[in-house]
């Protein structure tokens, strides 16, 4: 038993030592040799990277739908196939149209919007391909020159660097007023 405890203590001690050597080499380095120039390159730590992630506010539904007719609001909330026109930068919904057949596919990125994707970010033509997403959850990235987004069988939302656009239900495609770079897609 004593032998077993001695071996266990040795293994734990070696594991802790190896873990501290492998995970904190920068902490062990001398700061006397560290560059002091303002142009010196430092390795980014997780704390330093936190400044790159900006929390985006959800658009106020009443504010972004204030110019819609009662008929457009009813269609938007009905779950029926629809095409929603939305302003880039403000997320204001400018028009909602009934659609007989919305080909929207929309959380793993897929190579395109065909097949069994749940949500899609549509590009503005060649060379901007469509990006499909499979599953549920949030995917972040940078998809430039997106002109519309939509979903086939789930609710979804897309966000660019300045605003999160409307959460839309299944079979709804949103056409934006111009191209934008999307930064996240959420499929519910």
N, C-alpha and C. Protein backbone atom coordinates (compact mmCIF):
# COMPACT_ATOMS: atom_id res chain seq x y z
N UNK A 1 0.83 -1.19 0.00
CA UNK A 1 0.00 0.00 0.00
C UNK A 1 0.87 1.25 0.00
N UNK A 2 1.95 1.22 0.85
CA UNK A 2 2.86 2.35 0.92
C UNK A 2 3.53 2.58 -0.43
N UNK A 3 3.90 1.49 -1.11
CA UNK A 3 4.53 1.55 -2.41
C UNK A 3 3.58 2.18 -3.44
N UNK A 4 2.31 1.77 -3.37
CA UNK A 4 1.29 2.29 -4.28
C UNK A 4 1.12 3.80 -4.12
N UNK A 5 1.04 4.27 -2.86
CA UNK A 5 0.88 5.70 -2.58
C UNK A 5 2.09 6.49 -3.04
N UNK A 6 3.28 5.94 -2.88
CA UNK A 6 4.50 6.61 -3.31
C UNK A 6 4.51 6.78 -4.82
N UNK A 7 4.11 5.72 -5.55
CA UNK A 7 4.05 5.80 -7.01
C UNK A 7 2.98 6.79 -7.46
N UNK A 8 1.83 6.78 -6.80
CA UNK A 8 0.74 7.70 -7.15
C UNK A 8 1.19 9.14 -6.93
N UNK A 9 1.87 9.40 -5.81
CA UNK A 9 2.35 10.75 -5.53
C UNK A 9 3.37 11.19 -6.57
N UNK A 10 4.24 10.26 -6.99
CA UNK A 10 5.25 10.58 -8.00
C UNK A 10 4.60 10.90 -9.34
N UNK A 11 3.58 10.13 -9.71
CA UNK A 11 2.89 10.36 -10.99
C UNK A 11 2.16 11.70 -10.97
N UNK A 12 1.47 11.99 -9.86
CA UNK A 12 0.75 13.26 -9.74
C UNK A 12 1.73 14.43 -9.78
N UNK A 13 2.84 14.30 -9.05
CA UNK A 13 3.84 15.36 -9.04
C UNK A 13 4.42 15.60 -10.42
N UNK A 14 4.72 14.52 -11.14
CA UNK A 14 5.26 14.66 -12.50
C UNK A 14 4.23 15.28 -13.43
N UNK A 15 2.97 14.91 -13.29
CA UNK A 15 1.91 15.47 -14.13
C UNK A 15 1.76 16.97 -13.89
N UNK A 16 1.78 17.36 -12.62
CA UNK A 16 1.67 18.79 -12.31
C UNK A 16 2.85 19.57 -12.85
N UNK A 17 4.06 19.01 -12.70
CA UNK A 17 5.25 19.66 -13.21
C UNK A 17 5.19 19.79 -14.73
N UNK A 18 4.83 18.72 -15.41
CA UNK A 18 4.73 18.75 -16.88
C UNK A 18 3.66 19.74 -17.32
N UNK A 19 2.55 19.76 -16.62
CA UNK A 19 1.47 20.68 -16.97
C UNK A 19 1.89 22.12 -16.82
N UNK A 20 2.63 22.43 -15.75
CA UNK A 20 3.04 23.82 -15.56
C UNK A 20 4.12 24.22 -16.57
N UNK A 21 4.96 23.29 -16.97
CA UNK A 21 5.99 23.59 -17.97
C UNK A 21 5.35 23.77 -19.35
N UNK A 22 4.41 22.88 -19.70
CA UNK A 22 3.80 22.94 -21.02
C UNK A 22 2.80 24.07 -21.19
N UNK A 23 2.13 24.46 -20.12
CA UNK A 23 1.08 25.47 -20.28
C UNK A 23 1.52 26.88 -19.93
N UNK A 24 2.63 27.07 -19.27
CA UNK A 24 3.01 28.42 -18.87
C UNK A 24 4.46 28.75 -19.16
N UNK A 25 4.96 28.50 -20.37
CA UNK A 25 6.36 28.82 -20.64
C UNK A 25 6.63 30.32 -20.58
N UNK A 26 5.65 31.14 -20.93
CA UNK A 26 5.87 32.58 -20.92
C UNK A 26 6.02 33.10 -19.50
N UNK A 27 5.34 32.45 -18.55
CA UNK A 27 5.41 32.89 -17.16
C UNK A 27 6.78 32.56 -16.57
N UNK A 28 7.42 31.51 -17.08
CA UNK A 28 8.72 31.10 -16.55
C UNK A 28 9.86 31.94 -17.12
N UNK A 29 9.63 32.64 -18.23
CA UNK A 29 10.68 33.41 -18.87
C UNK A 29 11.01 34.65 -18.05
N UNK A 30 12.26 35.06 -18.10
CA UNK A 30 12.71 36.24 -17.40
C UNK A 30 12.13 37.48 -18.06
N UNK A 31 11.68 38.44 -17.27
CA UNK A 31 11.17 39.68 -17.83
C UNK A 31 12.28 40.68 -18.08
N UNK A 32 13.50 40.38 -17.61
CA UNK A 32 14.62 41.29 -17.83
C UNK A 32 14.96 41.38 -19.31
N UNK A 33 14.74 40.30 -20.06
CA UNK A 33 15.07 40.28 -21.48
C UNK A 33 13.89 40.68 -22.35
N UNK A 34 12.76 41.01 -21.77
CA UNK A 34 11.55 41.31 -22.54
C UNK A 34 11.73 42.62 -23.28
N UNK A 35 11.29 42.70 -24.53
CA UNK A 35 11.41 43.94 -25.29
C UNK A 35 10.54 45.03 -24.65
N UNK A 36 11.03 46.25 -24.71
CA UNK A 36 10.30 47.36 -24.11
C UNK A 36 9.74 48.30 -25.16
N UNK A 37 10.07 48.09 -26.39
CA UNK A 37 9.59 48.96 -27.47
C UNK A 37 8.08 48.81 -27.62
N UNK A 38 7.41 49.88 -27.99
CA UNK A 38 5.96 49.83 -28.18
C UNK A 38 5.59 49.02 -29.41
N UNK A 39 6.57 48.72 -30.26
CA UNK A 39 6.28 47.93 -31.47
C UNK A 39 6.57 46.46 -31.26
N UNK A 40 6.96 46.08 -30.04
CA UNK A 40 7.28 44.67 -29.77
C UNK A 40 6.03 43.82 -29.92
N UNK A 41 6.20 42.63 -30.45
CA UNK A 41 5.07 41.70 -30.63
C UNK A 41 4.97 40.80 -29.42
N UNK A 42 3.80 40.73 -28.84
CA UNK A 42 3.55 39.87 -27.69
C UNK A 42 2.55 38.81 -28.09
N UNK A 43 2.65 37.65 -27.46
CA UNK A 43 1.65 36.60 -27.69
C UNK A 43 0.35 37.03 -27.02
N UNK A 44 -0.75 36.84 -27.72
CA UNK A 44 -2.05 37.23 -27.18
C UNK A 44 -2.52 36.20 -26.17
N UNK A 45 -3.00 36.69 -25.05
CA UNK A 45 -3.57 35.79 -24.05
C UNK A 45 -5.09 35.84 -24.20
N UNK A 46 -5.80 34.88 -23.60
CA UNK A 46 -7.26 34.91 -23.70
C UNK A 46 -7.86 36.20 -23.15
N UNK A 47 -7.24 36.78 -22.16
CA UNK A 47 -7.76 38.03 -21.60
C UNK A 47 -7.62 39.16 -22.62
N UNK A 48 -6.49 39.22 -23.32
CA UNK A 48 -6.28 40.26 -24.31
C UNK A 48 -7.22 40.11 -25.50
N UNK A 49 -7.60 38.88 -25.85
CA UNK A 49 -8.50 38.64 -26.97
C UNK A 49 -9.94 39.01 -26.66
N UNK A 50 -10.28 39.12 -25.39
CA UNK A 50 -11.67 39.39 -25.04
C UNK A 50 -12.16 40.73 -25.59
N UNK A 51 -11.27 41.65 -25.86
CA UNK A 51 -11.67 42.94 -26.42
C UNK A 51 -12.16 42.86 -27.86
N UNK A 52 -11.89 41.76 -28.55
CA UNK A 52 -12.29 41.61 -29.94
C UNK A 52 -13.74 41.18 -30.09
N UNK A 53 -14.35 40.68 -29.04
CA UNK A 53 -15.71 40.19 -29.11
C UNK A 53 -16.65 41.26 -28.58
N UNK A 54 -17.53 41.73 -29.43
CA UNK A 54 -18.45 42.80 -29.07
C UNK A 54 -19.84 42.20 -28.92
N UNK A 55 -20.46 42.46 -27.79
CA UNK A 55 -21.83 41.99 -27.60
C UNK A 55 -22.75 42.89 -28.41
N UNK A 56 -23.61 42.27 -29.19
CA UNK A 56 -24.50 43.03 -30.05
C UNK A 56 -25.89 43.07 -29.44
N UNK A 57 -26.47 44.25 -29.47
CA UNK A 57 -27.81 44.40 -28.93
C UNK A 57 -28.83 43.86 -29.92
N UNK A 58 -29.87 43.26 -29.36
CA UNK A 58 -30.95 42.77 -30.19
C UNK A 58 -31.83 43.96 -30.58
N UNK A 59 -32.24 43.99 -31.83
CA UNK A 59 -33.06 45.08 -32.32
C UNK A 59 -34.42 45.07 -31.64
N UNK A 60 -34.94 46.25 -31.35
CA UNK A 60 -36.27 46.40 -30.77
C UNK A 60 -37.29 46.13 -31.87
N UNK A 61 -38.12 45.11 -31.68
CA UNK A 61 -39.05 44.68 -32.72
C UNK A 61 -40.00 45.81 -33.12
N UNK A 62 -40.53 46.53 -32.16
CA UNK A 62 -41.46 47.62 -32.47
C UNK A 62 -40.78 48.71 -33.30
N UNK A 63 -39.52 48.98 -32.98
CA UNK A 63 -38.78 50.03 -33.68
C UNK A 63 -38.49 49.64 -35.13
N UNK A 64 -38.08 48.39 -35.36
CA UNK A 64 -37.69 47.99 -36.71
C UNK A 64 -38.89 47.63 -37.59
N UNK A 65 -40.08 47.54 -36.99
CA UNK A 65 -41.29 47.22 -37.77
C UNK A 65 -42.27 48.38 -37.80
N UNK A 66 -41.87 49.55 -37.34
CA UNK A 66 -42.79 50.68 -37.19
C UNK A 66 -43.43 51.14 -38.49
N UNK A 67 -42.80 50.91 -39.63
CA UNK A 67 -43.33 51.39 -40.91
C UNK A 67 -44.08 50.31 -41.70
N UNK A 68 -44.31 49.16 -41.10
CA UNK A 68 -45.02 48.09 -41.79
C UNK A 68 -46.53 48.24 -41.64
N UNK A 69 -47.25 47.77 -42.63
CA UNK A 69 -48.71 47.78 -42.54
C UNK A 69 -49.14 46.63 -41.62
N UNK A 70 -50.39 46.65 -41.22
CA UNK A 70 -50.92 45.58 -40.39
C UNK A 70 -50.86 44.23 -41.12
N UNK A 71 -51.11 44.27 -42.42
CA UNK A 71 -51.04 43.06 -43.24
C UNK A 71 -49.61 42.49 -43.26
N UNK A 72 -48.62 43.38 -43.39
CA UNK A 72 -47.22 42.93 -43.40
C UNK A 72 -46.82 42.34 -42.04
N UNK A 73 -47.26 42.97 -40.96
CA UNK A 73 -46.95 42.46 -39.62
C UNK A 73 -47.57 41.07 -39.40
N UNK A 74 -48.80 40.92 -39.85
CA UNK A 74 -49.49 39.63 -39.71
C UNK A 74 -48.75 38.55 -40.49
N UNK A 75 -48.35 38.86 -41.71
CA UNK A 75 -47.61 37.90 -42.52
C UNK A 75 -46.27 37.56 -41.88
N UNK A 76 -45.58 38.56 -41.35
CA UNK A 76 -44.27 38.36 -40.71
C UNK A 76 -44.36 37.39 -39.54
N UNK A 77 -45.43 37.46 -38.78
CA UNK A 77 -45.57 36.64 -37.58
C UNK A 77 -46.34 35.34 -37.83
N UNK A 78 -46.80 35.11 -39.05
CA UNK A 78 -47.68 33.98 -39.33
C UNK A 78 -46.97 32.64 -39.51
N UNK A 79 -45.72 32.66 -39.90
CA UNK A 79 -45.03 31.41 -40.20
C UNK A 79 -45.24 30.97 -41.64
N UNK A 80 -45.99 31.75 -42.41
CA UNK A 80 -46.20 31.47 -43.83
C UNK A 80 -44.95 31.88 -44.61
N UNK A 81 -44.72 31.27 -45.78
CA UNK A 81 -43.57 31.68 -46.59
C UNK A 81 -43.63 33.18 -46.90
N UNK A 82 -42.53 33.86 -46.67
CA UNK A 82 -42.48 35.31 -46.86
C UNK A 82 -41.07 35.74 -47.23
N UNK A 83 -40.99 36.91 -47.85
CA UNK A 83 -39.71 37.55 -48.12
C UNK A 83 -39.72 38.87 -47.36
N UNK A 84 -38.70 39.07 -46.52
CA UNK A 84 -38.59 40.27 -45.69
C UNK A 84 -37.45 41.12 -46.23
N UNK A 85 -37.70 42.42 -46.44
CA UNK A 85 -36.68 43.36 -46.89
C UNK A 85 -36.21 44.15 -45.67
N UNK A 86 -34.88 44.19 -45.46
CA UNK A 86 -34.35 44.78 -44.25
C UNK A 86 -33.16 45.68 -44.57
N UNK A 87 -33.06 46.81 -43.87
CA UNK A 87 -31.99 47.78 -44.06
C UNK A 87 -30.69 47.30 -43.41
N UNK A 88 -29.59 47.42 -44.12
CA UNK A 88 -28.28 47.11 -43.58
C UNK A 88 -27.91 48.21 -42.57
N UNK A 89 -27.38 47.83 -41.44
CA UNK A 89 -26.92 48.79 -40.43
C UNK A 89 -27.94 49.13 -39.38
N UNK A 90 -29.23 49.21 -39.76
CA UNK A 90 -30.26 49.56 -38.78
C UNK A 90 -31.18 48.39 -38.48
N UNK A 91 -31.26 47.43 -39.37
CA UNK A 91 -32.13 46.25 -39.25
C UNK A 91 -33.60 46.59 -39.43
N UNK A 92 -33.93 47.82 -39.84
CA UNK A 92 -35.33 48.19 -40.05
C UNK A 92 -35.93 47.34 -41.18
N UNK A 93 -37.10 46.79 -40.92
CA UNK A 93 -37.81 46.01 -41.93
C UNK A 93 -38.62 46.99 -42.77
N UNK A 94 -38.34 47.03 -44.06
CA UNK A 94 -39.00 48.00 -44.93
C UNK A 94 -40.17 47.42 -45.69
N UNK A 95 -40.19 46.09 -45.87
CA UNK A 95 -41.29 45.49 -46.63
C UNK A 95 -41.34 44.01 -46.32
N UNK A 96 -42.57 43.45 -46.31
CA UNK A 96 -42.78 42.02 -46.17
C UNK A 96 -43.70 41.59 -47.29
N UNK A 97 -43.25 40.60 -48.08
CA UNK A 97 -44.03 40.13 -49.22
C UNK A 97 -44.37 38.65 -49.04
N UNK A 98 -45.55 38.28 -49.49
CA UNK A 98 -45.95 36.88 -49.49
C UNK A 98 -45.15 36.16 -50.57
N UNK A 99 -44.71 34.97 -50.26
CA UNK A 99 -43.95 34.18 -51.22
C UNK A 99 -44.61 32.82 -51.36
N UNK A 100 -44.77 32.37 -52.59
CA UNK A 100 -45.40 31.07 -52.79
C UNK A 100 -44.41 29.94 -52.56
N UNK A 101 -43.17 30.17 -52.88
CA UNK A 101 -42.17 29.13 -52.73
C UNK A 101 -40.84 29.79 -52.41
N UNK A 102 -40.47 29.82 -51.14
CA UNK A 102 -39.21 30.42 -50.74
C UNK A 102 -38.17 29.32 -50.68
N UNK A 103 -37.17 29.42 -51.53
CA UNK A 103 -36.09 28.45 -51.50
C UNK A 103 -35.02 28.97 -50.56
N UNK A 104 -35.24 28.76 -49.30
CA UNK A 104 -34.25 29.17 -48.31
C UNK A 104 -33.76 27.95 -47.57
N UNK A 105 -32.50 27.86 -47.48
CA UNK A 105 -31.89 26.76 -46.77
C UNK A 105 -30.96 27.36 -45.73
N UNK A 106 -31.03 27.01 -44.91
CA UNK A 106 -30.16 27.61 -43.94
C UNK A 106 -29.82 26.50 -42.96
N UNK A 107 -24.81 23.51 -36.27
CA UNK A 107 -24.52 24.73 -37.07
C UNK A 107 -23.06 24.62 -37.40
N UNK A 108 -23.15 23.81 -38.24
CA UNK A 108 -21.86 23.60 -38.86
C UNK A 108 -21.93 24.18 -40.27
N UNK A 109 -20.89 24.89 -40.68
CA UNK A 109 -20.94 25.46 -42.03
C UNK A 109 -20.99 24.35 -43.08
N UNK A 110 -21.77 24.57 -44.10
CA UNK A 110 -21.83 23.67 -45.25
C UNK A 110 -21.27 24.41 -46.45
N UNK A 111 -20.92 23.70 -47.48
CA UNK A 111 -20.27 24.32 -48.62
C UNK A 111 -21.20 25.20 -49.44
N UNK A 112 -22.49 24.96 -49.36
CA UNK A 112 -23.45 25.79 -50.09
C UNK A 112 -24.82 25.65 -49.44
N UNK A 113 -25.84 26.15 -50.07
CA UNK A 113 -27.18 26.14 -49.47
C UNK A 113 -28.08 25.06 -50.04
N UNK A 114 -27.52 24.05 -50.66
CA UNK A 114 -28.35 22.99 -51.19
C UNK A 114 -28.36 21.82 -50.21
N UNK A 115 -29.29 20.94 -50.39
CA UNK A 115 -29.36 19.77 -49.52
C UNK A 115 -30.12 20.05 -48.24
N UNK A 116 -29.65 19.47 -47.16
CA UNK A 116 -30.39 19.54 -45.90
C UNK A 116 -29.80 20.54 -44.92
N UNK A 117 -29.57 21.75 -45.35
CA UNK A 117 -29.08 22.79 -44.44
C UNK A 117 -30.28 23.43 -43.74
N UNK A 118 -30.03 24.00 -42.54
CA UNK A 118 -31.09 24.65 -41.78
C UNK A 118 -31.19 26.14 -42.04
N UNK A 119 -30.06 26.79 -42.32
CA UNK A 119 -30.04 28.24 -42.53
C UNK A 119 -29.03 28.57 -43.63
N UNK A 120 -29.17 29.76 -44.22
CA UNK A 120 -28.27 30.14 -45.30
C UNK A 120 -28.00 31.64 -45.30
N UNK A 121 -26.75 32.00 -45.61
CA UNK A 121 -26.36 33.38 -45.90
C UNK A 121 -26.09 33.42 -47.39
N UNK A 122 -26.85 34.24 -48.11
CA UNK A 122 -26.73 34.29 -49.56
C UNK A 122 -25.75 35.37 -49.98
N UNK A 123 -24.86 35.02 -50.91
CA UNK A 123 -23.90 35.96 -51.46
C UNK A 123 -24.53 36.79 -52.57
N UNK A 124 -23.86 37.84 -52.93
CA UNK A 124 -24.36 38.75 -53.96
C UNK A 124 -23.91 38.37 -55.36
N UNK A 125 -23.85 37.10 -55.67
CA UNK A 125 -23.43 36.66 -57.00
C UNK A 125 -21.95 36.33 -57.04
N UNK A 126 -21.48 35.93 -58.21
CA UNK A 126 -20.09 35.51 -58.40
C UNK A 126 -19.15 36.64 -58.00
N UNK A 127 -18.13 36.43 -57.23
CA UNK A 127 -17.60 35.18 -56.70
C UNK A 127 -18.10 34.87 -55.29
N UNK A 128 -19.15 35.51 -54.83
CA UNK A 128 -19.61 35.36 -53.45
C UNK A 128 -20.60 34.20 -53.33
N UNK A 129 -20.10 33.06 -52.90
CA UNK A 129 -20.92 31.85 -52.81
C UNK A 129 -21.87 31.93 -51.62
N UNK A 130 -22.91 31.13 -51.66
CA UNK A 130 -23.83 31.01 -50.54
C UNK A 130 -23.20 30.12 -49.48
N UNK A 131 -23.50 30.40 -48.20
CA UNK A 131 -23.00 29.58 -47.10
C UNK A 131 -24.19 28.99 -46.36
N UNK A 132 -24.24 27.67 -46.27
CA UNK A 132 -25.30 26.98 -45.54
C UNK A 132 -24.81 26.56 -44.16
N UNK A 133 -25.76 26.32 -43.25
CA UNK A 133 -25.45 25.93 -41.89
C UNK A 133 -26.36 24.77 -41.48
N UNK A 134 -25.78 23.78 -40.85
CA UNK A 134 -26.51 22.58 -40.46
C UNK A 134 -26.51 22.49 -38.94
N UNK A 135 -27.67 22.23 -38.35
CA UNK A 135 -27.77 22.04 -36.90
C UNK A 135 -28.38 23.24 -36.22
N UNK A 136 -28.18 23.35 -34.91
CA UNK A 136 -28.68 24.47 -34.13
C UNK A 136 -27.53 25.05 -33.32
N UNK A 137 -27.66 26.31 -32.94
CA UNK A 137 -26.63 26.99 -32.16
C UNK A 137 -26.17 28.24 -32.88
N UNK A 138 -25.01 28.76 -32.49
CA UNK A 138 -24.47 29.98 -33.07
C UNK A 138 -23.11 29.68 -33.69
N UNK A 139 -22.91 30.20 -34.88
CA UNK A 139 -21.63 30.08 -35.59
C UNK A 139 -21.14 31.50 -35.84
N UNK A 140 -19.89 31.80 -35.46
CA UNK A 140 -19.32 33.11 -35.74
C UNK A 140 -18.29 32.99 -36.84
N UNK A 141 -18.07 34.07 -37.53
CA UNK A 141 -17.11 34.09 -38.63
C UNK A 141 -17.17 35.43 -39.33
N UNK A 142 -16.79 35.44 -40.57
CA UNK A 142 -16.84 36.66 -41.38
C UNK A 142 -17.21 36.26 -42.80
N UNK A 143 -18.47 36.52 -43.16
CA UNK A 143 -18.99 36.16 -44.47
C UNK A 143 -19.30 37.47 -45.20
N UNK A 144 -18.40 37.88 -46.10
CA UNK A 144 -18.56 39.18 -46.74
C UNK A 144 -19.54 39.14 -47.92
N UNK A 145 -20.04 40.31 -48.24
CA UNK A 145 -20.93 40.54 -49.38
C UNK A 145 -22.20 39.67 -49.32
N UNK A 146 -22.84 39.63 -48.15
CA UNK A 146 -24.10 38.90 -47.99
C UNK A 146 -25.24 39.85 -48.31
N UNK A 147 -26.17 39.40 -49.12
CA UNK A 147 -27.30 40.25 -49.53
C UNK A 147 -28.64 39.76 -49.00
N UNK A 148 -28.67 38.54 -48.46
CA UNK A 148 -29.90 38.02 -47.86
C UNK A 148 -29.57 36.82 -47.00
N UNK A 149 -30.55 36.44 -46.16
CA UNK A 149 -30.41 35.25 -45.33
C UNK A 149 -31.77 34.63 -45.15
N UNK A 150 -31.80 33.36 -44.77
CA UNK A 150 -33.08 32.70 -44.57
C UNK A 150 -32.92 31.31 -44.00
N UNK A 151 -34.06 30.69 -43.71
CA UNK A 151 -34.05 29.34 -43.14
C UNK A 151 -35.10 28.48 -43.80
N UNK A 152 -34.87 27.20 -43.76
CA UNK A 152 -35.82 26.26 -44.36
C UNK A 152 -36.77 25.70 -43.32
N UNK A 153 -36.25 25.19 -42.20
CA UNK A 153 -37.10 24.48 -41.27
C UNK A 153 -36.92 24.87 -39.81
N UNK A 154 -36.19 25.93 -39.53
CA UNK A 154 -35.98 26.40 -38.15
C UNK A 154 -35.98 27.93 -38.15
N UNK A 155 -36.12 28.50 -36.96
CA UNK A 155 -35.96 29.95 -36.82
C UNK A 155 -34.48 30.26 -36.83
N UNK A 156 -34.12 31.46 -37.30
CA UNK A 156 -32.71 31.85 -37.34
C UNK A 156 -32.57 33.36 -37.27
N UNK A 157 -31.35 33.80 -36.97
CA UNK A 157 -31.00 35.22 -36.93
C UNK A 157 -29.59 35.37 -37.46
N UNK A 158 -29.33 36.49 -38.13
CA UNK A 158 -27.98 36.81 -38.62
C UNK A 158 -27.58 38.18 -38.07
N UNK A 159 -26.29 38.34 -37.81
CA UNK A 159 -25.77 39.60 -37.28
C UNK A 159 -24.57 40.04 -38.10
N UNK A 160 -24.47 41.36 -38.35
CA UNK A 160 -23.23 41.88 -38.92
C UNK A 160 -22.48 42.60 -37.81
N UNK A 161 -21.50 43.42 -38.14
CA UNK A 161 -20.69 44.04 -37.09
C UNK A 161 -21.42 45.15 -36.34
N UNK A 162 -22.55 45.63 -36.88
CA UNK A 162 -23.23 46.73 -36.20
C UNK A 162 -24.62 46.39 -35.67
N UNK A 163 -25.25 45.33 -36.17
CA UNK A 163 -26.63 45.06 -35.74
C UNK A 163 -26.97 43.58 -35.94
N UNK A 164 -27.87 43.09 -35.11
CA UNK A 164 -28.45 41.76 -35.32
C UNK A 164 -29.79 41.97 -36.00
N UNK A 165 -29.99 41.29 -37.10
CA UNK A 165 -31.22 41.44 -37.87
C UNK A 165 -32.33 40.59 -37.27
N UNK A 166 -33.50 40.70 -37.81
CA UNK A 166 -34.68 40.03 -37.28
C UNK A 166 -34.51 38.53 -37.17
N UNK A 167 -35.02 37.99 -36.07
CA UNK A 167 -35.14 36.54 -35.95
C UNK A 167 -36.33 36.17 -36.82
N UNK A 168 -36.12 35.25 -37.74
CA UNK A 168 -37.20 34.86 -38.65
C UNK A 168 -37.51 33.39 -38.48
N UNK A 169 -38.74 33.07 -38.78
CA UNK A 169 -39.20 31.69 -38.67
C UNK A 169 -38.85 30.88 -39.89
N UNK A 170 -39.26 29.62 -39.89
CA UNK A 170 -39.01 28.75 -41.04
C UNK A 170 -39.64 29.30 -42.31
N UNK A 171 -38.99 29.04 -43.43
CA UNK A 171 -39.46 29.40 -44.76
C UNK A 171 -39.56 30.91 -44.98
N UNK A 172 -38.69 31.66 -44.33
CA UNK A 172 -38.65 33.12 -44.53
C UNK A 172 -37.26 33.48 -45.03
N UNK A 173 -37.23 34.31 -46.06
CA UNK A 173 -35.98 34.82 -46.61
C UNK A 173 -35.98 36.32 -46.42
N UNK A 174 -34.88 36.86 -45.91
CA UNK A 174 -34.72 38.30 -45.69
C UNK A 174 -33.79 38.85 -46.75
N UNK A 175 -34.26 39.86 -47.50
CA UNK A 175 -33.42 40.54 -48.48
C UNK A 175 -32.96 41.86 -47.87
N UNK A 176 -31.67 42.06 -47.81
CA UNK A 176 -31.10 43.27 -47.23
C UNK A 176 -31.03 44.38 -48.28
N UNK A 177 -30.97 45.62 -47.83
CA UNK A 177 -30.95 46.76 -48.75
C UNK A 177 -29.63 46.90 -49.50
N UNK A 178 -28.63 46.19 -49.06
CA UNK A 178 -27.32 46.23 -49.71
C UNK A 178 -26.44 45.16 -49.11
N UNK A 179 -25.26 44.95 -49.68
CA UNK A 179 -24.37 43.91 -49.15
C UNK A 179 -23.77 44.30 -47.80
N UNK A 180 -23.54 43.29 -46.97
CA UNK A 180 -22.90 43.50 -45.67
C UNK A 180 -22.07 42.28 -45.33
N UNK A 181 -21.17 42.43 -44.36
CA UNK A 181 -20.38 41.31 -43.88
C UNK A 181 -21.02 40.77 -42.63
N UNK A 182 -21.54 39.56 -42.70
CA UNK A 182 -22.17 38.92 -41.54
C UNK A 182 -21.09 38.39 -40.60
N UNK A 183 -21.35 38.50 -39.31
CA UNK A 183 -20.39 38.07 -38.30
C UNK A 183 -20.88 36.88 -37.48
N UNK A 184 -22.20 36.62 -37.46
CA UNK A 184 -22.69 35.45 -36.74
C UNK A 184 -24.04 35.01 -37.31
N UNK A 185 -24.32 33.73 -37.14
CA UNK A 185 -25.58 33.12 -37.53
C UNK A 185 -26.04 32.27 -36.35
N UNK A 186 -27.30 32.42 -35.97
CA UNK A 186 -27.87 31.59 -34.91
C UNK A 186 -29.08 30.86 -35.47
N UNK A 187 -29.10 29.56 -35.30
CA UNK A 187 -30.24 28.74 -35.71
C UNK A 187 -30.85 28.16 -34.45
N UNK A 188 -32.16 28.36 -34.27
CA UNK A 188 -32.86 27.94 -33.06
C UNK A 188 -33.60 26.63 -33.27
